[in-house]
């Protein structure tokens, strides 16, 4: 079974609305040739000017393995539907990007779906075993992207996929990774079997994570055990309450501090964003009391412009969890993730041309 489902010209044509007198991003991006092996696709795109590789992971195994809601399976398609229809112009041409495709998760999703007909339920152990299998696929594909000299932008799925990104980055650079994560949860739970809540604690345990900061951590959505484990590792945070409620410091002050400390490590930076942090974003753990989308985009832009980022990871978006239904969810997730993707690409391009 192939581990990658390439995003082809046929896929692009099904999503992009062509209009006379306009050029859309989807008409300019590099696409995967399904007849070529992964390495050839990546090297060819890099040789023709691509700098970023956008990859999707359509799965909700990780959140379900963390006793959460499913639904994080459609974020990549939703985001590409919106992003590829944006204009190619002086601000972004699209030729900087390869839309690579999706990690193949069909077999794992099928294995971990309960069958009501024959009354077979999937156990927690089976879900967590499937997450481990997914980890290996993410590591292999992200490693190939990095080897080709491209920066991964990984969209969709649970935050469990942070582990694969961190491990691949650690292996590629032969150095630990400094990660920053906009998230109400630290995802530093116990090593109890892989799921969306312990990607960072597992990466720390395996030696990949050298520094970790959580922005927007909710003071009452993390257990004392979780906080103690994070503190023992040396992890730090600015809480949601500090910045957005008590106003003890501004977001700008926090970002200046975060970027300085990330840069002080001298390590490649993993830029992480769990859309659970964004107010009213449909996700496996959506919240009303969250960060505004524009603040989340500013976070992505600031860190990407001021730090040596190795990748962007946007996790947990679940269009089907929208209170108004799937169509509204696809629209809101698509537009929101498009803004985050553009914020990253524009800022990284500025960083690389300094």
C-alpha atoms as a PDB file:
ATOM      1  CA  UNK A   1       0.000   0.000   0.000  1.00  0.00           C
ATOM      2  CA  UNK A   2       1.437   3.432  -0.922  1.00  0.00           C
ATOM      3  CA  UNK A   3       2.011   5.665   2.097  1.00  0.00           C
ATOM      4  CA  UNK A   4       1.383   8.858   0.106  1.00  0.00           C
ATOM      5  CA  UNK A   5      -1.739   9.816  -1.834  1.00  0.00           C
ATOM      6  CA  UNK A   6      -0.384  12.389  -4.330  1.00  0.00           C
ATOM      7  CA  UNK A   7      -2.272  15.609  -5.014  1.00  0.00           C
ATOM      8  CA  UNK A   8      -2.506  15.646  -8.808  1.00  0.00           C
ATOM      9  CA  UNK A   9      -3.685  17.948 -11.593  1.00  0.00           C
ATOM     10  CA  UNK A  10      -7.027  16.151 -11.480  1.00  0.00           C
ATOM     11  CA  UNK A  11      -7.394  16.987  -7.781  1.00  0.00           C
ATOM     12  CA  UNK A  12      -6.456  20.591  -8.427  1.00  0.00           C
ATOM     13  CA  UNK A  13      -8.915  20.929 -11.293  1.00  0.00           C
ATOM     14  CA  UNK A  14     -11.734  19.616  -9.083  1.00  0.00           C
ATOM     15  CA  UNK A  15     -11.141  22.360  -6.512  1.00  0.00           C
ATOM     16  CA  UNK A  16     -10.038  25.446  -8.459  1.00  0.00           C
ATOM     17  CA  UNK A  17     -12.526  27.764 -10.158  1.00  0.00           C
ATOM     18  CA  UNK A  18     -10.759  29.272 -13.170  1.00  0.00           C
ATOM     19  CA  UNK A  19     -11.774  32.813 -14.099  1.00  0.00           C
ATOM     20  CA  UNK A  20     -10.808  34.898 -17.121  1.00  0.00           C
ATOM     21  CA  UNK A  21      -8.350  37.670 -16.300  1.00  0.00           C
ATOM     22  CA  UNK A  22      -7.307  36.082 -13.020  1.00  0.00           C
ATOM     23  CA  UNK A  23      -4.665  33.581 -11.985  1.00  0.00           C
ATOM     24  CA  UNK A  24      -5.286  31.444  -8.911  1.00  0.00           C
ATOM     25  CA  UNK A  25      -2.650  29.906  -6.668  1.00  0.00           C
ATOM     26  CA  UNK A  26      -3.844  26.484  -7.779  1.00  0.00           C
ATOM     27  CA  UNK A  27      -2.810  27.280 -11.339  1.00  0.00           C
ATOM     28  CA  UNK A  28       0.765  28.042 -10.234  1.00  0.00           C
ATOM     29  CA  UNK A  29       1.677  25.605  -7.466  1.00  0.00           C
ATOM     30  CA  UNK A  30       3.749  22.497  -8.120  1.00  0.00           C
ATOM     31  CA  UNK A  31       1.775  19.258  -8.064  1.00  0.00           C
ATOM     32  CA  UNK A  32       2.684  15.615  -7.634  1.00  0.00           C
ATOM     33  CA  UNK A  33       3.073  13.280 -10.607  1.00  0.00           C
ATOM     34  CA  UNK A  34       1.535  10.030  -9.388  1.00  0.00           C
ATOM     35  CA  UNK A  35       3.772   8.060 -11.745  1.00  0.00           C
ATOM     36  CA  UNK A  36       6.931   9.235  -9.978  1.00  0.00           C
ATOM     37  CA  UNK A  37       8.349   8.073  -6.633  1.00  0.00           C
ATOM     38  CA  UNK A  38       8.178  10.477  -3.699  1.00  0.00           C
ATOM     39  CA  UNK A  39      11.838  11.458  -3.853  1.00  0.00           C
ATOM     40  CA  UNK A  40      11.577  12.376  -7.553  1.00  0.00           C
ATOM     41  CA  UNK A  41       8.460  14.488  -6.951  1.00  0.00           C
ATOM     42  CA  UNK A  42      10.230  16.398  -4.180  1.00  0.00           C
ATOM     43  CA  UNK A  43      13.552  16.909  -5.948  1.00  0.00           C
ATOM     44  CA  UNK A  44      11.839  18.033  -9.154  1.00  0.00           C
ATOM     45  CA  UNK A  45       9.707  20.579  -7.332  1.00  0.00           C
ATOM     46  CA  UNK A  46      12.734  21.930  -5.453  1.00  0.00           C
ATOM     47  CA  UNK A  47      14.707  22.246  -8.683  1.00  0.00           C
ATOM     48  CA  UNK A  48      11.877  24.303 -10.157  1.00  0.00           C
ATOM     49  CA  UNK A  49      11.721  26.795  -7.305  1.00  0.00           C
ATOM     50  CA  UNK A  50       9.493  25.216  -4.650  1.00  0.00           C
ATOM     51  CA  UNK A  51      10.432  26.013  -1.067  1.00  0.00           C
ATOM     52  CA  UNK A  52       7.489  24.574   0.861  1.00  0.00           C
ATOM     53  CA  UNK A  53       5.725  21.205   0.698  1.00  0.00           C
ATOM     54  CA  UNK A  54       2.119  21.109   1.885  1.00  0.00           C
ATOM     55  CA  UNK A  55       1.067  17.708   3.174  1.00  0.00           C
ATOM     56  CA  UNK A  56      -2.238  16.587   4.694  1.00  0.00           C
ATOM     57  CA  UNK A  57      -3.066  13.945   7.281  1.00  0.00           C
ATOM     58  CA  UNK A  58      -6.737  13.008   7.214  1.00  0.00           C
ATOM     59  CA  UNK A  59      -7.197  11.116  10.467  1.00  0.00           C
ATOM     60  CA  UNK A  60      -8.918  11.377  13.816  1.00  0.00           C
ATOM     61  CA  UNK A  61      -7.365   8.281  15.379  1.00  0.00           C
ATOM     62  CA  UNK A  62      -5.111  10.329  17.652  1.00  0.00           C
ATOM     63  CA  UNK A  63      -7.909  12.408  19.206  1.00  0.00           C
ATOM     64  CA  UNK A  64     -10.062   9.300  19.692  1.00  0.00           C
ATOM     65  CA  UNK A  65      -7.099   7.515  21.277  1.00  0.00           C
ATOM     66  CA  UNK A  66      -6.998  10.476  23.688  1.00  0.00           C
ATOM     67  CA  UNK A  67     -10.686   9.919  24.583  1.00  0.00           C
ATOM     68  CA  UNK A  68     -11.680  12.914  22.449  1.00  0.00           C
ATOM     69  CA  UNK A  69     -14.089  13.516  19.583  1.00  0.00           C
ATOM     70  CA  UNK A  70     -13.444  12.414  16.042  1.00  0.00           C
ATOM     71  CA  UNK A  71     -13.870  14.523  12.938  1.00  0.00           C
ATOM     72  CA  UNK A  72     -10.334  15.789  12.204  1.00  0.00           C
ATOM     73  CA  UNK A  73     -10.359  14.127   8.789  1.00  0.00           C
ATOM     74  CA  UNK A  74     -11.317  16.864   6.328  1.00  0.00           C
ATOM     75  CA  UNK A  75      -9.066  19.809   7.188  1.00  0.00           C
ATOM     76  CA  UNK A  76      -6.609  19.326   4.328  1.00  0.00           C
ATOM     77  CA  UNK A  77      -9.240  19.221   1.582  1.00  0.00           C
ATOM     78  CA  UNK A  78     -11.134  22.130   3.147  1.00  0.00           C
ATOM     79  CA  UNK A  79      -8.004  24.266   3.354  1.00  0.00           C
ATOM     80  CA  UNK A  80      -6.870  23.444  -0.179  1.00  0.00           C
ATOM     81  CA  UNK A  81     -10.314  24.242  -1.570  1.00  0.00           C
ATOM     82  CA  UNK A  82     -10.010  27.752  -0.175  1.00  0.00           C
ATOM     83  CA  UNK A  83      -6.247  28.332  -0.446  1.00  0.00           C
ATOM     84  CA  UNK A  84      -5.833  27.197  -4.051  1.00  0.00           C
ATOM     85  CA  UNK A  85      -8.585  29.607  -5.108  1.00  0.00           C
ATOM     86  CA  UNK A  86      -6.777  32.636  -3.697  1.00  0.00           C
ATOM     87  CA  UNK A  87      -5.157  34.987  -6.177  1.00  0.00           C
ATOM     88  CA  UNK A  88      -1.623  34.560  -7.484  1.00  0.00           C
ATOM     89  CA  UNK A  89      -0.181  38.076  -7.447  1.00  0.00           C
ATOM     90  CA  UNK A  90       2.736  40.244  -6.292  1.00  0.00           C
ATOM     91  CA  UNK A  91       2.306  39.076  -2.689  1.00  0.00           C
ATOM     92  CA  UNK A  92       2.465  35.334  -3.407  1.00  0.00           C
ATOM     93  CA  UNK A  93       2.772  33.612  -6.765  1.00  0.00           C
ATOM     94  CA  UNK A  94       2.209  30.001  -5.692  1.00  0.00           C
ATOM     95  CA  UNK A  95       5.363  28.725  -7.401  1.00  0.00           C
ATOM     96  CA  UNK A  96       6.995  28.647  -3.973  1.00  0.00           C
ATOM     97  CA  UNK A  97       4.800  25.707  -3.007  1.00  0.00           C
ATOM     98  CA  UNK A  98       4.434  22.029  -3.767  1.00  0.00           C
ATOM     99  CA  UNK A  99       1.039  20.632  -2.828  1.00  0.00           C
ATOM    100  CA  UNK A 100       2.294  17.126  -2.219  1.00  0.00           C
ATOM    101  CA  UNK A 101      -0.778  15.206  -1.126  1.00  0.00           C
ATOM    102  CA  UNK A 102      -1.861  13.257   1.929  1.00  0.00           C
ATOM    103  CA  UNK A 103      -0.424  10.587   4.169  1.00  0.00           C
ATOM    104  CA  UNK A 104      -2.460   7.476   3.397  1.00  0.00           C
ATOM    105  CA  UNK A 105      -4.517   6.708   6.500  1.00  0.00           C
ATOM    106  CA  UNK A 106      -7.424   4.805   4.913  1.00  0.00           C
ATOM    107  CA  UNK A 107      -6.449   1.411   6.294  1.00  0.00           C
ATOM    108  CA  UNK A 108      -5.815   2.765   9.792  1.00  0.00           C
ATOM    109  CA  UNK A 109      -9.088   4.678   9.821  1.00  0.00           C
ATOM    110  CA  UNK A 110     -10.941   1.536   8.735  1.00  0.00           C
ATOM    111  CA  UNK A 111      -9.209  -0.634  11.329  1.00  0.00           C
ATOM    112  CA  UNK A 112     -10.157   1.781  14.107  1.00  0.00           C
ATOM    113  CA  UNK A 113     -13.814   2.337  13.196  1.00  0.00           C
ATOM    114  CA  UNK A 114     -16.340   0.447  15.283  1.00  0.00           C
ATOM    115  CA  UNK A 115     -18.697  -1.764  13.299  1.00  0.00           C
ATOM    116  CA  UNK A 116     -22.223  -1.366  14.624  1.00  0.00           C
ATOM    117  CA  UNK A 117     -23.506  -4.152  12.340  1.00  0.00           C
ATOM    118  CA  UNK A 118     -21.534  -6.898  14.044  1.00  0.00           C
ATOM    119  CA  UNK A 119     -21.209  -4.942  17.313  1.00  0.00           C
ATOM    120  CA  UNK A 120     -17.419  -4.901  17.331  1.00  0.00           C
ATOM    121  CA  UNK A 121     -15.894  -2.048  19.303  1.00  0.00           C
ATOM    122  CA  UNK A 122     -12.391  -0.733  18.867  1.00  0.00           C
ATOM    123  CA  UNK A 123     -10.356  -0.825  22.062  1.00  0.00           C
ATOM    124  CA  UNK A 124      -8.206   2.012  23.365  1.00  0.00           C
ATOM    125  CA  UNK A 125      -5.173  -0.203  22.883  1.00  0.00           C
ATOM    126  CA  UNK A 126      -5.997  -0.732  19.205  1.00  0.00           C
ATOM    127  CA  UNK A 127      -6.402   3.009  18.667  1.00  0.00           C
ATOM    128  CA  UNK A 128      -3.042   3.732  20.286  1.00  0.00           C
ATOM    129  CA  UNK A 129      -1.331   0.989  18.287  1.00  0.00           C
ATOM    130  CA  UNK A 130      -2.713   2.574  15.112  1.00  0.00           C
ATOM    131  CA  UNK A 131      -1.296   5.948  16.137  1.00  0.00           C
ATOM    132  CA  UNK A 132       2.154   4.333  16.388  1.00  0.00           C
ATOM    133  CA  UNK A 133       1.776   2.994  12.853  1.00  0.00           C
ATOM    134  CA  UNK A 134       0.754   6.456  11.664  1.00  0.00           C
ATOM    135  CA  UNK A 135       3.791   7.950  13.420  1.00  0.00           C
ATOM    136  CA  UNK A 136       6.106   5.882  11.236  1.00  0.00           C
ATOM    137  CA  UNK A 137       4.397   6.999   8.027  1.00  0.00           C
ATOM    138  CA  UNK A 138       4.599  10.654   9.013  1.00  0.00           C
ATOM    139  CA  UNK A 139       8.278  10.280   9.935  1.00  0.00           C
ATOM    140  CA  UNK A 140       9.165   8.698   6.601  1.00  0.00           C
ATOM    141  CA  UNK A 141       7.329  11.256   4.454  1.00  0.00           C
ATOM    142  CA  UNK A 142       8.479  14.304   6.453  1.00  0.00           C
ATOM    143  CA  UNK A 143      12.053  12.976   6.408  1.00  0.00           C
ATOM    144  CA  UNK A 144      11.911  12.776   2.602  1.00  0.00           C
ATOM    145  CA  UNK A 145      10.587  16.347   2.398  1.00  0.00           C
ATOM    146  CA  UNK A 146      13.390  17.667   4.598  1.00  0.00           C
ATOM    147  CA  UNK A 147      16.034  15.699   2.708  1.00  0.00           C
ATOM    148  CA  UNK A 148      14.864  17.347  -0.526  1.00  0.00           C
ATOM    149  CA  UNK A 149      15.411  20.787   1.001  1.00  0.00           C
ATOM    150  CA  UNK A 150      11.740  21.691   1.414  1.00  0.00           C
ATOM    151  CA  UNK A 151       9.919  22.944   4.508  1.00  0.00           C
ATOM    152  CA  UNK A 152       6.891  20.834   5.487  1.00  0.00           C
ATOM    153  CA  UNK A 153       3.540  22.471   6.170  1.00  0.00           C
ATOM    154  CA  UNK A 154       1.464  19.699   7.696  1.00  0.00           C
ATOM    155  CA  UNK A 155      -2.295  20.224   7.795  1.00  0.00           C
ATOM    156  CA  UNK A 156      -4.996  18.224   9.523  1.00  0.00           C
ATOM    157  CA  UNK A 157      -5.312  15.230  11.779  1.00  0.00           C
ATOM    158  CA  UNK A 158      -4.736  15.160  15.508  1.00  0.00           C
ATOM    159  CA  UNK A 159      -1.894  16.789  17.395  1.00  0.00           C
ATOM    160  CA  UNK A 160      -0.390  13.318  17.725  1.00  0.00           C
ATOM    161  CA  UNK A 161       1.377  14.072  14.419  1.00  0.00           C
ATOM    162  CA  UNK A 162       3.663  16.550  16.191  1.00  0.00           C
ATOM    163  CA  UNK A 163       5.633  13.509  17.317  1.00  0.00           C
ATOM    164  CA  UNK A 164       6.398  12.389  13.755  1.00  0.00           C
ATOM    165  CA  UNK A 165       7.391  15.920  12.750  1.00  0.00           C
ATOM    166  CA  UNK A 166       9.693  16.313  15.736  1.00  0.00           C
ATOM    167  CA  UNK A 167      11.318  12.923  15.246  1.00  0.00           C
ATOM    168  CA  UNK A 168      11.903  13.504  11.527  1.00  0.00           C
ATOM    169  CA  UNK A 169      13.332  16.983  12.165  1.00  0.00           C
ATOM    170  CA  UNK A 170      15.581  15.649  14.933  1.00  0.00           C
ATOM    171  CA  UNK A 171      16.912  12.945  12.641  1.00  0.00           C
ATOM    172  CA  UNK A 172      17.410  15.293   9.684  1.00  0.00           C
ATOM    173  CA  UNK A 173      19.283  18.038  11.520  1.00  0.00           C
ATOM    174  CA  UNK A 174      21.017  15.661  13.940  1.00  0.00           C
ATOM    175  CA  UNK A 175      20.020  18.116  16.657  1.00  0.00           C
ATOM    176  CA  UNK A 176      17.161  18.391  19.095  1.00  0.00           C
ATOM    177  CA  UNK A 177      14.228  20.607  18.171  1.00  0.00           C
ATOM    178  CA  UNK A 178      12.923  23.693  19.978  1.00  0.00           C
ATOM    179  CA  UNK A 179       9.127  23.703  19.714  1.00  0.00           C
ATOM    180  CA  UNK A 180       6.566  26.404  20.388  1.00  0.00           C
ATOM    181  CA  UNK A 181       2.895  25.499  20.498  1.00  0.00           C
ATOM    182  CA  UNK A 182      -0.184  27.741  20.544  1.00  0.00           C
ATOM    183  CA  UNK A 183      -2.508  25.432  22.451  1.00  0.00           C
ATOM    184  CA  UNK A 184      -4.736  25.471  25.550  1.00  0.00           C
ATOM    185  CA  UNK A 185      -3.295  22.016  26.356  1.00  0.00           C
ATOM    186  CA  UNK A 186       0.391  21.249  26.762  1.00  0.00           C
ATOM    187  CA  UNK A 187       0.029  17.782  25.154  1.00  0.00           C
ATOM    188  CA  UNK A 188       2.620  16.588  27.644  1.00  0.00           C
ATOM    189  CA  UNK A 189       0.532  13.780  29.100  1.00  0.00           C
ATOM    190  CA  UNK A 190       1.814  10.495  30.475  1.00  0.00           C
ATOM    191  CA  UNK A 191       3.589   7.942  28.287  1.00  0.00           C
ATOM    192  CA  UNK A 192       0.557   5.657  28.296  1.00  0.00           C
ATOM    193  CA  UNK A 193       0.415   4.700  24.623  1.00  0.00           C
ATOM    194  CA  UNK A 194       0.402   7.144  21.742  1.00  0.00           C
ATOM    195  CA  UNK A 195      -2.403   9.637  21.276  1.00  0.00           C
ATOM    196  CA  UNK A 196      -2.988  13.302  20.498  1.00  0.00           C
ATOM    197  CA  UNK A 197      -2.262  14.420  24.055  1.00  0.00           C
ATOM    198  CA  UNK A 198       1.310  13.169  24.429  1.00  0.00           C
ATOM    199  CA  UNK A 199       3.176  13.886  21.205  1.00  0.00           C
ATOM    200  CA  UNK A 200       5.549  16.278  22.953  1.00  0.00           C
ATOM    201  CA  UNK A 201       6.163  14.136  26.039  1.00  0.00           C
ATOM    202  CA  UNK A 202       6.992  11.152  23.821  1.00  0.00           C
ATOM    203  CA  UNK A 203       9.314  13.305  21.688  1.00  0.00           C
ATOM    204  CA  UNK A 204      11.025  14.524  24.857  1.00  0.00           C
ATOM    205  CA  UNK A 205      11.377  10.965  26.114  1.00  0.00           C
ATOM    206  CA  UNK A 206      12.953   9.887  22.794  1.00  0.00           C
ATOM    207  CA  UNK A 207      15.449  12.755  22.897  1.00  0.00           C
ATOM    208  CA  UNK A 208      14.007  14.785  20.000  1.00  0.00           C
ATOM    209  CA  UNK A 209      12.591  17.710  21.969  1.00  0.00           C
ATOM    210  CA  UNK A 210      15.195  20.019  23.474  1.00  0.00           C
ATOM    211  CA  UNK A 211      13.068  23.048  24.374  1.00  0.00           C
ATOM    212  CA  UNK A 212       9.313  23.507  24.623  1.00  0.00           C
ATOM    213  CA  UNK A 213       7.093  26.530  25.188  1.00  0.00           C
ATOM    214  CA  UNK A 214       3.279  26.624  25.209  1.00  0.00           C
ATOM    215  CA  UNK A 215       1.521  29.859  24.328  1.00  0.00           C
ATOM    216  CA  UNK A 216      -2.094  30.254  25.429  1.00  0.00           C
ATOM    217  CA  UNK A 217      -2.045  27.361  27.876  1.00  0.00           C
ATOM    218  CA  UNK A 218      -5.351  27.278  29.754  1.00  0.00           C
ATOM    219  CA  UNK A 219      -4.661  27.238  33.472  1.00  0.00           C
ATOM    220  CA  UNK A 220      -7.520  24.837  34.252  1.00  0.00           C
ATOM    221  CA  UNK A 221      -7.344  22.508  31.241  1.00  0.00           C
ATOM    222  CA  UNK A 222      -4.090  20.838  32.296  1.00  0.00           C
ATOM    223  CA  UNK A 223      -3.838  18.474  35.233  1.00  0.00           C
ATOM    224  CA  UNK A 224      -1.343  19.094  38.018  1.00  0.00           C
ATOM    225  CA  UNK A 225       0.416  15.886  36.979  1.00  0.00           C
ATOM    226  CA  UNK A 226       0.669  17.224  33.440  1.00  0.00           C
ATOM    227  CA  UNK A 227       2.007  20.604  34.614  1.00  0.00           C
ATOM    228  CA  UNK A 228       4.501  18.969  36.967  1.00  0.00           C
ATOM    229  CA  UNK A 229       5.778  16.693  34.220  1.00  0.00           C
ATOM    230  CA  UNK A 230       6.155  19.680  31.890  1.00  0.00           C
ATOM    231  CA  UNK A 231       7.993  21.687  34.571  1.00  0.00           C
ATOM    232  CA  UNK A 232      10.318  18.783  35.332  1.00  0.00           C
ATOM    233  CA  UNK A 233      11.257  18.655  31.655  1.00  0.00           C
ATOM    234  CA  UNK A 234      11.992  22.373  31.686  1.00  0.00           C
ATOM    235  CA  UNK A 235       9.006  23.389  29.607  1.00  0.00           C
ATOM    236  CA  UNK A 236       7.593  26.899  29.969  1.00  0.00           C
ATOM    237  CA  UNK A 237       4.381  28.679  29.091  1.00  0.00           C
ATOM    238  CA  UNK A 238       2.420  31.902  28.840  1.00  0.00           C
ATOM    239  CA  UNK A 239      -1.141  31.162  29.839  1.00  0.00           C
ATOM    240  CA  UNK A 240      -4.327  32.264  28.111  1.00  0.00           C
ATOM    241  CA  UNK A 241      -5.324  33.995  31.318  1.00  0.00           C
ATOM    242  CA  UNK A 242      -2.044  35.941  31.611  1.00  0.00           C
ATOM    243  CA  UNK A 243      -2.337  37.509  28.157  1.00  0.00           C
ATOM    244  CA  UNK A 244      -5.979  37.623  27.102  1.00  0.00           C
ATOM    245  CA  UNK A 245      -7.833  37.816  30.429  1.00  0.00           C
ATOM    246  CA  UNK A 246      -5.672  39.316  33.195  1.00  0.00           C
ATOM    247  CA  UNK A 247      -3.635  41.334  30.636  1.00  0.00           C
ATOM    248  CA  UNK A 248      -0.445  40.932  32.673  1.00  0.00           C
ATOM    249  CA  UNK A 249       1.489  41.197  29.422  1.00  0.00           C
ATOM    250  CA  UNK A 250       0.588  41.733  25.806  1.00  0.00           C
ATOM    251  CA  UNK A 251       0.751  39.168  23.029  1.00  0.00           C
ATOM    252  CA  UNK A 252       3.494  41.258  21.415  1.00  0.00           C
ATOM    253  CA  UNK A 253       5.599  41.156  24.587  1.00  0.00           C
ATOM    254  CA  UNK A 254       5.099  37.410  24.878  1.00  0.00           C
ATOM    255  CA  UNK A 255       6.124  36.802  21.253  1.00  0.00           C
ATOM    256  CA  UNK A 256       9.287  38.885  21.605  1.00  0.00           C
ATOM    257  CA  UNK A 257      10.218  36.850  24.679  1.00  0.00           C
ATOM    258  CA  UNK A 258       9.383  33.509  23.029  1.00  0.00           C
ATOM    259  CA  UNK A 259      11.349  34.249  19.854  1.00  0.00           C
ATOM    260  CA  UNK A 260      14.401  35.376  21.835  1.00  0.00           C
ATOM    261  CA  UNK A 261      14.420  32.187  23.898  1.00  0.00           C
ATOM    262  CA  UNK A 262      13.876  29.977  20.862  1.00  0.00           C
ATOM    263  CA  UNK A 263      16.804  31.649  19.122  1.00  0.00           C
ATOM    264  CA  UNK A 264      18.975  31.351  22.230  1.00  0.00           C
ATOM    265  CA  UNK A 265      18.727  27.556  21.973  1.00  0.00           C
ATOM    266  CA  UNK A 266      20.434  27.541  18.563  1.00  0.00           C
ATOM    267  CA  UNK A 267      18.086  24.706  17.563  1.00  0.00           C
ATOM    268  CA  UNK A 268      15.765  24.278  14.587  1.00  0.00           C
ATOM    269  CA  UNK A 269      12.261  25.431  15.535  1.00  0.00           C
ATOM    270  CA  UNK A 270       9.047  23.464  15.236  1.00  0.00           C
ATOM    271  CA  UNK A 271       6.106  25.868  14.855  1.00  0.00           C
ATOM    272  CA  UNK A 272       2.969  24.217  16.206  1.00  0.00           C
ATOM    273  CA  UNK A 273      -0.638  25.387  16.326  1.00  0.00           C
ATOM    274  CA  UNK A 274      -3.607  23.468  17.683  1.00  0.00           C
ATOM    275  CA  UNK A 275      -6.758  25.126  16.383  1.00  0.00           C
ATOM    276  CA  UNK A 276      -8.398  24.209  19.712  1.00  0.00           C
ATOM    277  CA  UNK A 277      -6.774  27.468  20.812  1.00  0.00           C
ATOM    278  CA  UNK A 278      -8.833  29.572  18.377  1.00  0.00           C
ATOM    279  CA  UNK A 279     -12.229  30.815  19.513  1.00  0.00           C
ATOM    280  CA  UNK A 280     -15.159  28.925  17.986  1.00  0.00           C
ATOM    281  CA  UNK A 281     -12.976  26.963  15.574  1.00  0.00           C
ATOM    282  CA  UNK A 282     -14.561  23.550  14.855  1.00  0.00           C
ATOM    283  CA  UNK A 283     -12.181  21.019  16.362  1.00  0.00           C
ATOM    284  CA  UNK A 284     -12.028  17.955  18.576  1.00  0.00           C
ATOM    285  CA  UNK A 285     -11.963  20.219  21.658  1.00  0.00           C
ATOM    286  CA  UNK A 286     -13.415  23.491  20.411  1.00  0.00           C
ATOM    287  CA  UNK A 287     -13.753  26.443  22.773  1.00  0.00           C
ATOM    288  CA  UNK A 288     -15.696  29.674  22.991  1.00  0.00           C
ATOM    289  CA  UNK A 289     -13.096  31.279  25.281  1.00  0.00           C
ATOM    290  CA  UNK A 290     -10.204  31.168  22.852  1.00  0.00           C
ATOM    291  CA  UNK A 291      -7.693  33.232  20.933  1.00  0.00           C
ATOM    292  CA  UNK A 292      -8.903  35.356  17.982  1.00  0.00           C
ATOM    293  CA  UNK A 293      -7.960  33.919  14.591  1.00  0.00           C
ATOM    294  CA  UNK A 294      -6.002  37.058  13.688  1.00  0.00           C
ATOM    295  CA  UNK A 295      -3.905  36.699  16.862  1.00  0.00           C
ATOM    296  CA  UNK A 296      -3.180  33.085  15.897  1.00  0.00           C
ATOM    297  CA  UNK A 297      -2.118  34.228  12.419  1.00  0.00           C
ATOM    298  CA  UNK A 298       0.086  36.920  13.971  1.00  0.00           C
ATOM    299  CA  UNK A 299       1.714  34.272  16.192  1.00  0.00           C
ATOM    300  CA  UNK A 300       2.523  32.156  13.122  1.00  0.00           C
ATOM    301  CA  UNK A 301       3.802  35.169  11.215  1.00  0.00           C
ATOM    302  CA  UNK A 302       5.979  36.529  14.020  1.00  0.00           C
ATOM    303  CA  UNK A 303       7.690  33.252  14.924  1.00  0.00           C
ATOM    304  CA  UNK A 304       8.182  32.289  11.270  1.00  0.00           C
ATOM    305  CA  UNK A 305       9.731  35.684  10.516  1.00  0.00           C
ATOM    306  CA  UNK A 306      12.046  35.808  13.537  1.00  0.00           C
ATOM    307  CA  UNK A 307      13.103  32.176  14.098  1.00  0.00           C
ATOM    308  CA  UNK A 308      14.747  29.387  12.040  1.00  0.00           C
ATOM    309  CA  UNK A 309      11.577  27.343  11.594  1.00  0.00           C
ATOM    310  CA  UNK A 310      11.859  23.812  10.257  1.00  0.00           C
ATOM    311  CA  UNK A 311       8.115  23.314   9.694  1.00  0.00           C
ATOM    312  CA  UNK A 312       4.567  24.483  10.379  1.00  0.00           C
ATOM    313  CA  UNK A 313       2.002  22.141  11.881  1.00  0.00           C
ATOM    314  CA  UNK A 314      -1.708  23.081  12.079  1.00  0.00           C
ATOM    315  CA  UNK A 315      -3.620  20.354  13.895  1.00  0.00           C
ATOM    316  CA  UNK A 316      -7.052  19.279  15.146  1.00  0.00           C
ATOM    317  CA  UNK A 317      -9.378  21.170  12.778  1.00  0.00           C
ATOM    318  CA  UNK A 318     -12.606  19.183  12.458  1.00  0.00           C
ATOM    319  CA  UNK A 319     -15.115  20.668   9.998  1.00  0.00           C
ATOM    320  CA  UNK A 320     -17.806  18.142  10.952  1.00  0.00           C
ATOM    321  CA  UNK A 321     -17.778  19.497  14.514  1.00  0.00           C
ATOM    322  CA  UNK A 322     -19.069  22.926  13.433  1.00  0.00           C
ATOM    323  CA  UNK A 323     -22.244  23.849  15.293  1.00  0.00           C
ATOM    324  CA  UNK A 324     -23.944  24.788  11.997  1.00  0.00           C
ATOM    325  CA  UNK A 325     -22.993  21.574  10.194  1.00  0.00           C
ATOM    326  CA  UNK A 326     -20.352  20.213   7.856  1.00  0.00           C
ATOM    327  CA  UNK A 327     -20.754  22.791   5.069  1.00  0.00           C
ATOM    328  CA  UNK A 328     -20.197  25.676   7.465  1.00  0.00           C
ATOM    329  CA  UNK A 329     -17.321  23.750   8.997  1.00  0.00           C
ATOM    330  CA  UNK A 330     -15.615  23.203   5.658  1.00  0.00           C
ATOM    331  CA  UNK A 331     -15.956  26.907   4.843  1.00  0.00           C
ATOM    332  CA  UNK A 332     -14.719  28.217   8.196  1.00  0.00           C
ATOM    333  CA  UNK A 333     -11.870  25.728   8.520  1.00  0.00           C
ATOM    334  CA  UNK A 334     -10.831  26.297   4.910  1.00  0.00           C
ATOM    335  CA  UNK A 335     -10.701  30.070   5.213  1.00  0.00           C
ATOM    336  CA  UNK A 336      -9.003  30.016   8.609  1.00  0.00           C
ATOM    337  CA  UNK A 337      -6.294  27.537   7.663  1.00  0.00           C
ATOM    338  CA  UNK A 338      -5.665  29.410   4.404  1.00  0.00           C
ATOM    339  CA  UNK A 339      -4.817  32.522   6.429  1.00  0.00           C
ATOM    340  CA  UNK A 340      -2.436  30.542   8.645  1.00  0.00           C
ATOM    341  CA  UNK A 341      -0.697  28.941   5.659  1.00  0.00           C
ATOM    342  CA  UNK A 342      -0.225  32.305   3.953  1.00  0.00           C
ATOM    343  CA  UNK A 343       1.030  33.894   7.187  1.00  0.00           C
ATOM    344  CA  UNK A 344       3.707  31.218   7.448  1.00  0.00           C
ATOM    345  CA  UNK A 345       4.836  31.259   3.817  1.00  0.00           C
ATOM    346  CA  UNK A 346       4.993  35.050   3.617  1.00  0.00           C
ATOM    347  CA  UNK A 347       6.937  35.321   6.879  1.00  0.00           C
ATOM    348  CA  UNK A 348       9.356  32.496   6.058  1.00  0.00           C
ATOM    349  CA  UNK A 349      10.030  34.017   2.648  1.00  0.00           C
ATOM    350  CA  UNK A 350      10.914  37.296   4.376  1.00  0.00           C
ATOM    351  CA  UNK A 351      13.138  35.454   6.880  1.00  0.00           C
ATOM    352  CA  UNK A 352      15.005  33.575   4.151  1.00  0.00           C
ATOM    353  CA  UNK A 353      15.665  36.722   2.113  1.00  0.00           C
ATOM    354  CA  UNK A 354      17.018  38.800   5.019  1.00  0.00           C
END
